[in-house]
N, C-alpha and C. Protein backbone atom coordinates (compact mmCIF):
# COMPACT_ATOMS: atom_id res chain seq x y z
N MET A 1 -70.77 -9.56 34.98
CA MET A 1 -69.44 -9.19 35.45
C MET A 1 -69.40 -9.10 36.97
N ILE A 2 -70.51 -8.67 37.58
CA ILE A 2 -70.57 -8.56 39.04
C ILE A 2 -70.43 -9.95 39.67
N LYS A 3 -71.09 -10.93 39.07
CA LYS A 3 -71.00 -12.30 39.58
C LYS A 3 -69.55 -12.81 39.50
N ALA A 4 -68.88 -12.54 38.40
CA ALA A 4 -67.49 -12.97 38.23
C ALA A 4 -66.60 -12.30 39.27
N PHE A 5 -66.79 -10.99 39.48
CA PHE A 5 -65.98 -10.29 40.48
C PHE A 5 -66.26 -10.82 41.88
N PHE A 6 -67.52 -11.16 42.17
CA PHE A 6 -67.87 -11.74 43.48
C PHE A 6 -67.12 -13.05 43.67
N HIS A 7 -67.14 -13.93 42.67
CA HIS A 7 -66.43 -15.20 42.77
C HIS A 7 -64.93 -14.97 42.94
N PHE A 8 -64.37 -14.06 42.15
CA PHE A 8 -62.96 -13.71 42.27
C PHE A 8 -62.64 -13.28 43.70
N PHE A 9 -63.43 -12.35 44.22
CA PHE A 9 -63.17 -11.77 45.54
C PHE A 9 -63.27 -12.82 46.65
N ILE A 10 -64.30 -13.66 46.61
CA ILE A 10 -64.48 -14.69 47.64
C ILE A 10 -63.28 -15.64 47.66
N PHE A 11 -62.88 -16.12 46.49
CA PHE A 11 -61.75 -17.05 46.43
C PHE A 11 -60.44 -16.36 46.77
N PHE A 12 -60.27 -15.11 46.37
CA PHE A 12 -59.08 -14.34 46.71
C PHE A 12 -58.95 -14.23 48.24
N ILE A 13 -60.01 -13.79 48.89
CA ILE A 13 -59.98 -13.59 50.34
C ILE A 13 -59.77 -14.91 51.07
N PHE A 14 -60.49 -15.95 50.66
CA PHE A 14 -60.36 -17.26 51.32
C PHE A 14 -58.93 -17.78 51.25
N VAL A 15 -58.34 -17.75 50.07
CA VAL A 15 -56.98 -18.27 49.90
C VAL A 15 -55.98 -17.40 50.67
N PHE A 16 -56.10 -16.08 50.56
CA PHE A 16 -55.15 -15.19 51.24
C PHE A 16 -55.19 -15.40 52.75
N ILE A 17 -56.39 -15.41 53.33
CA ILE A 17 -56.52 -15.56 54.79
C ILE A 17 -56.07 -16.94 55.25
N THR A 18 -56.46 -17.98 54.51
CA THR A 18 -56.06 -19.34 54.88
C THR A 18 -54.54 -19.47 54.83
N ASP A 19 -53.92 -18.97 53.78
CA ASP A 19 -52.48 -19.06 53.64
C ASP A 19 -51.76 -18.31 54.75
N GLN A 20 -52.18 -17.09 55.02
CA GLN A 20 -51.54 -16.30 56.07
C GLN A 20 -51.75 -16.93 57.45
N SER A 21 -52.90 -17.54 57.68
CA SER A 21 -53.17 -18.20 58.96
C SER A 21 -52.25 -19.41 59.15
N LEU A 22 -52.09 -20.21 58.11
CA LEU A 22 -51.19 -21.36 58.19
C LEU A 22 -49.75 -20.91 58.42
N LYS A 23 -49.33 -19.88 57.73
CA LYS A 23 -47.96 -19.38 57.88
C LYS A 23 -47.73 -18.87 59.30
N LYS A 24 -48.73 -18.25 59.89
CA LYS A 24 -48.61 -17.73 61.26
C LYS A 24 -48.33 -18.86 62.25
N LEU A 25 -48.94 -20.03 62.02
CA LEU A 25 -48.67 -21.18 62.89
C LEU A 25 -47.18 -21.51 62.94
N PHE A 26 -46.54 -21.48 61.78
CA PHE A 26 -45.12 -21.83 61.71
C PHE A 26 -44.23 -20.70 62.22
N ILE A 27 -44.63 -19.48 61.98
CA ILE A 27 -43.89 -18.34 62.52
C ILE A 27 -43.93 -18.37 64.05
N ASP A 28 -45.06 -18.82 64.58
CA ASP A 28 -45.22 -18.91 66.04
C ASP A 28 -44.57 -20.15 66.64
N GLY A 29 -43.97 -21.01 65.81
CA GLY A 29 -43.18 -22.11 66.36
C GLY A 29 -43.66 -23.52 66.08
N PHE A 30 -44.77 -23.70 65.40
CA PHE A 30 -45.25 -25.06 65.12
C PHE A 30 -44.28 -25.79 64.20
N ARG A 31 -43.96 -27.04 64.55
CA ARG A 31 -43.12 -27.90 63.73
C ARG A 31 -43.64 -29.33 63.87
N TRP A 32 -43.39 -30.14 62.85
CA TRP A 32 -43.74 -31.56 62.91
C TRP A 32 -42.82 -32.32 61.97
N ASP A 33 -42.30 -33.45 62.45
CA ASP A 33 -41.38 -34.24 61.64
C ASP A 33 -42.00 -35.60 61.37
N GLY A 34 -42.24 -35.89 60.09
CA GLY A 34 -42.83 -37.17 59.71
C GLY A 34 -41.88 -37.97 58.84
N GLU A 35 -42.29 -39.19 58.51
CA GLU A 35 -41.45 -40.06 57.70
C GLU A 35 -41.31 -39.57 56.26
N TYR A 36 -42.40 -39.05 55.70
CA TYR A 36 -42.40 -38.58 54.31
C TYR A 36 -42.32 -37.06 54.20
N ILE A 37 -43.06 -36.42 55.07
CA ILE A 37 -43.18 -34.96 55.03
C ILE A 37 -42.87 -34.40 56.41
N SER A 38 -42.12 -33.32 56.42
CA SER A 38 -41.90 -32.58 57.67
C SER A 38 -42.46 -31.18 57.48
N LEU A 39 -42.91 -30.62 58.56
CA LEU A 39 -43.41 -29.24 58.57
C LEU A 39 -42.40 -28.41 59.33
N ILE A 40 -41.69 -27.57 58.58
CA ILE A 40 -40.59 -26.78 59.11
C ILE A 40 -40.79 -25.32 58.67
N LEU A 41 -39.96 -24.44 59.15
CA LEU A 41 -40.05 -23.03 58.73
C LEU A 41 -38.82 -22.66 57.91
N VAL A 42 -39.09 -22.16 56.71
CA VAL A 42 -38.02 -21.69 55.82
C VAL A 42 -38.49 -20.39 55.19
N TYR A 43 -37.60 -19.43 55.07
CA TYR A 43 -37.90 -18.19 54.37
C TYR A 43 -37.23 -18.25 53.00
N ASN A 44 -38.02 -18.32 51.95
CA ASN A 44 -37.51 -18.43 50.58
C ASN A 44 -37.33 -17.02 50.01
N LYS A 45 -36.11 -16.67 49.72
CA LYS A 45 -35.80 -15.34 49.19
C LYS A 45 -36.01 -15.25 47.68
N GLY A 46 -36.20 -16.40 47.01
CA GLY A 46 -36.40 -16.42 45.56
C GLY A 46 -37.81 -16.84 45.22
N VAL A 47 -37.97 -17.40 44.03
CA VAL A 47 -39.25 -17.96 43.61
C VAL A 47 -39.11 -19.48 43.72
N ALA A 48 -39.81 -20.25 42.91
CA ALA A 48 -39.75 -21.71 43.00
C ALA A 48 -38.30 -22.19 42.99
N PHE A 49 -38.01 -23.12 43.91
CA PHE A 49 -36.66 -23.69 44.03
C PHE A 49 -35.60 -22.62 44.27
N SER A 50 -35.99 -21.51 44.89
CA SER A 50 -35.12 -20.38 45.24
C SER A 50 -34.50 -19.68 44.02
N MET A 51 -35.06 -19.92 42.84
CA MET A 51 -34.56 -19.21 41.65
C MET A 51 -34.79 -17.71 41.82
N LEU A 52 -33.98 -16.93 41.22
CA LEU A 52 -34.03 -15.46 41.24
C LEU A 52 -33.76 -14.86 42.61
N SER A 53 -33.22 -15.64 43.54
CA SER A 53 -32.95 -15.10 44.88
C SER A 53 -31.91 -14.00 44.84
N PHE A 54 -31.12 -13.95 43.77
CA PHE A 54 -30.12 -12.89 43.63
C PHE A 54 -30.76 -11.51 43.49
N LEU A 55 -32.05 -11.46 43.16
CA LEU A 55 -32.75 -10.18 43.03
C LEU A 55 -33.06 -9.56 44.40
N GLU A 56 -32.99 -10.38 45.43
CA GLU A 56 -33.18 -9.96 46.82
C GLU A 56 -34.44 -9.11 46.98
N GLY A 57 -34.31 -7.92 47.53
CA GLY A 57 -35.46 -7.07 47.83
C GLY A 57 -36.21 -6.54 46.61
N HIS A 58 -35.60 -6.62 45.45
CA HIS A 58 -36.26 -6.12 44.23
C HIS A 58 -37.34 -7.07 43.72
N LEU A 59 -37.25 -8.33 44.10
CA LEU A 59 -38.18 -9.34 43.59
C LEU A 59 -39.63 -9.00 43.93
N LYS A 60 -39.88 -8.53 45.14
CA LYS A 60 -41.25 -8.20 45.54
C LYS A 60 -41.83 -7.08 44.68
N HIS A 61 -41.01 -6.12 44.29
CA HIS A 61 -41.48 -5.03 43.45
C HIS A 61 -41.75 -5.50 42.02
N ILE A 62 -40.89 -6.38 41.53
CA ILE A 62 -41.10 -6.95 40.20
C ILE A 62 -42.40 -7.76 40.18
N GLN A 63 -42.63 -8.53 41.23
CA GLN A 63 -43.85 -9.33 41.30
C GLN A 63 -45.10 -8.45 41.38
N LEU A 64 -45.02 -7.37 42.13
CA LEU A 64 -46.17 -6.44 42.19
C LEU A 64 -46.44 -5.82 40.82
N LEU A 65 -45.39 -5.47 40.10
CA LEU A 65 -45.56 -4.93 38.75
C LEU A 65 -46.21 -5.96 37.82
N LEU A 66 -45.84 -7.22 37.98
CA LEU A 66 -46.46 -8.28 37.18
C LEU A 66 -47.95 -8.41 37.49
N PHE A 67 -48.31 -8.36 38.77
CA PHE A 67 -49.73 -8.41 39.16
C PHE A 67 -50.48 -7.21 38.59
N LEU A 68 -49.86 -6.04 38.63
CA LEU A 68 -50.48 -4.84 38.08
C LEU A 68 -50.67 -4.98 36.57
N ALA A 69 -49.66 -5.45 35.86
CA ALA A 69 -49.75 -5.62 34.41
C ALA A 69 -50.84 -6.64 34.04
N ILE A 70 -50.91 -7.74 34.78
CA ILE A 70 -51.94 -8.74 34.52
C ILE A 70 -53.32 -8.17 34.82
N SER A 71 -53.43 -7.38 35.87
CA SER A 71 -54.72 -6.76 36.22
C SER A 71 -55.18 -5.81 35.12
N VAL A 72 -54.26 -5.02 34.57
CA VAL A 72 -54.60 -4.10 33.47
C VAL A 72 -55.04 -4.91 32.26
N TYR A 73 -54.33 -5.98 31.96
CA TYR A 73 -54.70 -6.85 30.84
C TYR A 73 -56.12 -7.38 31.04
N LEU A 74 -56.41 -7.88 32.24
CA LEU A 74 -57.74 -8.44 32.51
C LEU A 74 -58.83 -7.37 32.47
N LEU A 75 -58.47 -6.14 32.79
CA LEU A 75 -59.42 -5.04 32.72
C LEU A 75 -59.88 -4.82 31.28
N PHE A 76 -58.97 -5.02 30.35
CA PHE A 76 -59.31 -4.85 28.93
C PHE A 76 -59.80 -6.13 28.27
N HIS A 77 -59.72 -7.24 28.97
CA HIS A 77 -60.19 -8.53 28.45
C HIS A 77 -61.15 -9.15 29.46
N LYS A 78 -62.27 -8.51 29.63
CA LYS A 78 -63.25 -8.93 30.64
C LYS A 78 -63.78 -10.33 30.39
N ASP A 79 -63.82 -10.76 29.13
CA ASP A 79 -64.29 -12.10 28.82
C ASP A 79 -63.38 -13.16 29.45
N ILE A 80 -62.09 -12.92 29.45
CA ILE A 80 -61.15 -13.85 30.08
C ILE A 80 -61.36 -13.85 31.59
N PHE A 81 -61.51 -12.67 32.17
CA PHE A 81 -61.73 -12.57 33.61
C PHE A 81 -63.00 -13.31 34.01
N LYS A 82 -64.09 -13.11 33.24
CA LYS A 82 -65.35 -13.77 33.56
C LYS A 82 -65.23 -15.29 33.48
N LYS A 83 -64.56 -15.77 32.46
CA LYS A 83 -64.44 -17.22 32.25
C LYS A 83 -63.59 -17.89 33.34
N TYR A 84 -62.56 -17.21 33.80
CA TYR A 84 -61.61 -17.80 34.75
C TYR A 84 -61.59 -17.09 36.11
N ALA A 85 -62.69 -16.48 36.50
CA ALA A 85 -62.72 -15.66 37.71
C ALA A 85 -62.28 -16.42 38.97
N ILE A 86 -62.74 -17.65 39.12
CA ILE A 86 -62.41 -18.42 40.32
C ILE A 86 -60.92 -18.77 40.37
N PRO A 87 -60.36 -19.40 39.32
CA PRO A 87 -58.92 -19.69 39.42
C PRO A 87 -58.05 -18.43 39.45
N ILE A 88 -58.49 -17.36 38.80
CA ILE A 88 -57.73 -16.10 38.88
C ILE A 88 -57.76 -15.57 40.32
N GLY A 89 -58.90 -15.63 40.96
CA GLY A 89 -59.00 -15.22 42.36
C GLY A 89 -58.09 -16.04 43.26
N MET A 90 -58.03 -17.36 42.99
CA MET A 90 -57.16 -18.24 43.76
C MET A 90 -55.69 -17.88 43.54
N ILE A 91 -55.31 -17.64 42.29
CA ILE A 91 -53.92 -17.29 41.98
C ILE A 91 -53.55 -15.95 42.61
N TYR A 92 -54.45 -14.97 42.52
CA TYR A 92 -54.17 -13.67 43.13
C TYR A 92 -54.05 -13.80 44.65
N GLY A 93 -54.95 -14.54 45.27
CA GLY A 93 -54.89 -14.71 46.73
C GLY A 93 -53.59 -15.36 47.16
N ALA A 94 -53.19 -16.42 46.45
CA ALA A 94 -51.96 -17.14 46.79
C ALA A 94 -50.73 -16.30 46.45
N GLY A 95 -50.71 -15.74 45.27
CA GLY A 95 -49.55 -14.97 44.83
C GLY A 95 -49.32 -13.73 45.68
N LEU A 96 -50.39 -13.00 45.95
CA LEU A 96 -50.23 -11.78 46.76
C LEU A 96 -49.94 -12.11 48.21
N SER A 97 -50.37 -13.27 48.69
CA SER A 97 -49.99 -13.70 50.03
C SER A 97 -48.48 -13.92 50.10
N ASN A 98 -47.93 -14.54 49.07
CA ASN A 98 -46.48 -14.74 49.03
C ASN A 98 -45.72 -13.42 48.90
N VAL A 99 -46.24 -12.50 48.10
CA VAL A 99 -45.61 -11.19 47.96
C VAL A 99 -45.68 -10.43 49.30
N TYR A 100 -46.82 -10.53 49.96
CA TYR A 100 -46.99 -9.92 51.29
C TYR A 100 -45.89 -10.42 52.23
N ASP A 101 -45.61 -11.73 52.21
CA ASP A 101 -44.53 -12.29 53.04
C ASP A 101 -43.21 -11.60 52.77
N ARG A 102 -42.94 -11.33 51.51
CA ARG A 102 -41.66 -10.70 51.15
C ARG A 102 -41.54 -9.32 51.81
N PHE A 103 -42.64 -8.59 51.88
CA PHE A 103 -42.62 -7.26 52.50
C PHE A 103 -42.51 -7.36 54.02
N ILE A 104 -43.20 -8.33 54.62
CA ILE A 104 -43.24 -8.43 56.08
C ILE A 104 -42.05 -9.20 56.65
N TYR A 105 -41.68 -10.33 56.03
CA TYR A 105 -40.66 -11.22 56.58
C TYR A 105 -39.36 -11.26 55.79
N GLY A 106 -39.32 -10.59 54.66
CA GLY A 106 -38.11 -10.59 53.85
C GLY A 106 -37.98 -11.78 52.91
N GLY A 107 -38.93 -12.68 52.97
CA GLY A 107 -38.95 -13.85 52.11
C GLY A 107 -40.29 -14.57 52.28
N VAL A 108 -40.58 -15.47 51.37
CA VAL A 108 -41.83 -16.22 51.43
C VAL A 108 -41.73 -17.28 52.53
N VAL A 109 -42.75 -17.37 53.35
CA VAL A 109 -42.80 -18.36 54.42
C VAL A 109 -43.21 -19.71 53.81
N ASP A 110 -42.26 -20.64 53.78
CA ASP A 110 -42.51 -21.99 53.29
C ASP A 110 -42.39 -22.96 54.46
N TYR A 111 -43.12 -24.09 54.39
CA TYR A 111 -43.12 -24.98 55.54
C TYR A 111 -43.37 -26.45 55.23
N ILE A 112 -43.75 -26.83 54.04
CA ILE A 112 -43.99 -28.24 53.72
C ILE A 112 -42.74 -28.78 53.04
N TYR A 113 -42.15 -29.80 53.65
CA TYR A 113 -40.89 -30.34 53.15
C TYR A 113 -41.03 -31.85 52.92
N TRP A 114 -41.05 -32.26 51.65
CA TRP A 114 -41.08 -33.67 51.27
C TRP A 114 -39.64 -34.18 51.26
N HIS A 115 -39.38 -35.26 51.99
CA HIS A 115 -38.01 -35.75 52.07
C HIS A 115 -37.88 -37.27 51.96
N LYS A 116 -38.93 -37.96 51.57
CA LYS A 116 -38.86 -39.42 51.39
C LYS A 116 -38.45 -39.72 49.96
N TRP A 117 -37.45 -40.57 49.76
CA TRP A 117 -36.91 -41.00 48.47
C TRP A 117 -36.07 -39.93 47.78
N PHE A 118 -36.41 -38.67 47.95
CA PHE A 118 -35.63 -37.58 47.37
C PHE A 118 -35.97 -36.30 48.13
N ASP A 119 -35.05 -35.35 48.13
CA ASP A 119 -35.31 -34.06 48.77
C ASP A 119 -36.02 -33.16 47.78
N PHE A 120 -37.15 -32.64 48.19
CA PHE A 120 -37.90 -31.72 47.33
C PHE A 120 -37.86 -30.34 47.97
N ALA A 121 -38.13 -29.33 47.18
CA ALA A 121 -38.15 -27.96 47.69
C ALA A 121 -39.19 -27.81 48.80
N VAL A 122 -38.96 -26.91 49.70
CA VAL A 122 -39.93 -26.58 50.73
C VAL A 122 -40.94 -25.63 50.11
N PHE A 123 -42.22 -25.87 50.33
CA PHE A 123 -43.26 -25.06 49.71
C PHE A 123 -44.37 -24.79 50.71
N ASN A 124 -45.43 -24.12 50.28
CA ASN A 124 -46.51 -23.76 51.19
C ASN A 124 -47.88 -23.95 50.53
N PHE A 125 -48.92 -23.67 51.27
CA PHE A 125 -50.31 -23.80 50.80
C PHE A 125 -50.54 -22.97 49.54
N ALA A 126 -50.02 -21.75 49.52
CA ALA A 126 -50.21 -20.86 48.36
C ALA A 126 -49.64 -21.49 47.10
N ASP A 127 -48.49 -22.14 47.21
CA ASP A 127 -47.88 -22.79 46.05
C ASP A 127 -48.78 -23.89 45.51
N VAL A 128 -49.37 -24.66 46.41
CA VAL A 128 -50.28 -25.73 46.00
C VAL A 128 -51.52 -25.14 45.32
N ILE A 129 -52.04 -24.06 45.87
CA ILE A 129 -53.23 -23.41 45.29
C ILE A 129 -52.92 -22.87 43.90
N ILE A 130 -51.75 -22.32 43.70
CA ILE A 130 -51.38 -21.83 42.37
C ILE A 130 -51.36 -22.99 41.37
N ASP A 131 -50.80 -24.12 41.77
CA ASP A 131 -50.79 -25.29 40.89
C ASP A 131 -52.20 -25.77 40.57
N ILE A 132 -53.05 -25.84 41.59
CA ILE A 132 -54.44 -26.25 41.39
C ILE A 132 -55.16 -25.26 40.46
N SER A 133 -54.91 -23.98 40.64
CA SER A 133 -55.55 -22.95 39.81
C SER A 133 -55.16 -23.07 38.35
N VAL A 134 -53.89 -23.31 38.10
CA VAL A 134 -53.44 -23.51 36.72
C VAL A 134 -54.12 -24.73 36.13
N GLY A 135 -54.24 -25.79 36.92
CA GLY A 135 -54.96 -26.97 36.48
C GLY A 135 -56.42 -26.66 36.15
N LEU A 136 -57.07 -25.84 36.97
CA LEU A 136 -58.46 -25.43 36.70
C LEU A 136 -58.56 -24.63 35.42
N ILE A 137 -57.62 -23.74 35.18
CA ILE A 137 -57.63 -22.95 33.94
C ILE A 137 -57.50 -23.88 32.74
N LEU A 138 -56.60 -24.84 32.83
CA LEU A 138 -56.44 -25.80 31.73
C LEU A 138 -57.71 -26.63 31.54
N LEU A 139 -58.32 -27.06 32.63
CA LEU A 139 -59.55 -27.86 32.56
C LEU A 139 -60.69 -27.05 31.95
N ILE A 140 -60.88 -25.83 32.40
CA ILE A 140 -61.94 -24.96 31.86
C ILE A 140 -61.70 -24.72 30.37
N THR A 141 -60.46 -24.48 30.01
CA THR A 141 -60.12 -24.26 28.60
C THR A 141 -60.41 -25.52 27.78
N TYR A 142 -59.99 -26.67 28.26
CA TYR A 142 -60.19 -27.93 27.56
C TYR A 142 -61.68 -28.23 27.40
N LEU A 143 -62.43 -28.07 28.49
CA LEU A 143 -63.88 -28.35 28.41
C LEU A 143 -64.58 -27.37 27.49
N GLY A 144 -64.10 -26.12 27.46
CA GLY A 144 -64.66 -25.12 26.55
C GLY A 144 -64.40 -25.45 25.10
N LYS A 145 -63.22 -26.00 24.82
CA LYS A 145 -62.87 -26.39 23.43
C LYS A 145 -63.73 -27.56 22.97
N LYS A 146 -64.02 -28.49 23.89
CA LYS A 146 -64.84 -29.65 23.53
C LYS A 146 -66.26 -29.21 23.16
N GLU A 147 -66.78 -28.18 23.84
CA GLU A 147 -68.12 -27.69 23.56
C GLU A 147 -68.20 -27.01 22.19
N GLU A 148 -67.09 -26.42 21.76
CA GLU A 148 -67.07 -25.72 20.47
C GLU A 148 -67.07 -26.68 19.29
N VAL A 149 -66.61 -27.90 19.51
CA VAL A 149 -66.47 -28.87 18.42
C VAL A 149 -67.83 -29.44 18.03
């Protein structure tokens, strides 16, 4: 369990610090305009695609409660935590970095804007890490099922 917590903690800290460092660049004024992708500053008051933005300041508290509930669940299901410690650490680092933004800036700091062929939502490093983490969870689960057969 100590090894799993170590992996969780390392990935949590790495993702959180990397995400906050990238966001600081944009808060400090960095911008770039490209043909496919532009790097701009947007404060997202909602979740993905600005959904739930009507919750305004309450959203950060709801998200913290969700993290707390998931943490309690994982406390009672240590086997799940051990198996998925790295992607869980990545999700917590990314998710809590976004929640931190809500407390400090009033919204999540987003900056990657895809605009070639179609307009896509503006997103950030943490969002990409969450997607990668979910993919890792699915991969670990799939590979684990193959071993059982």
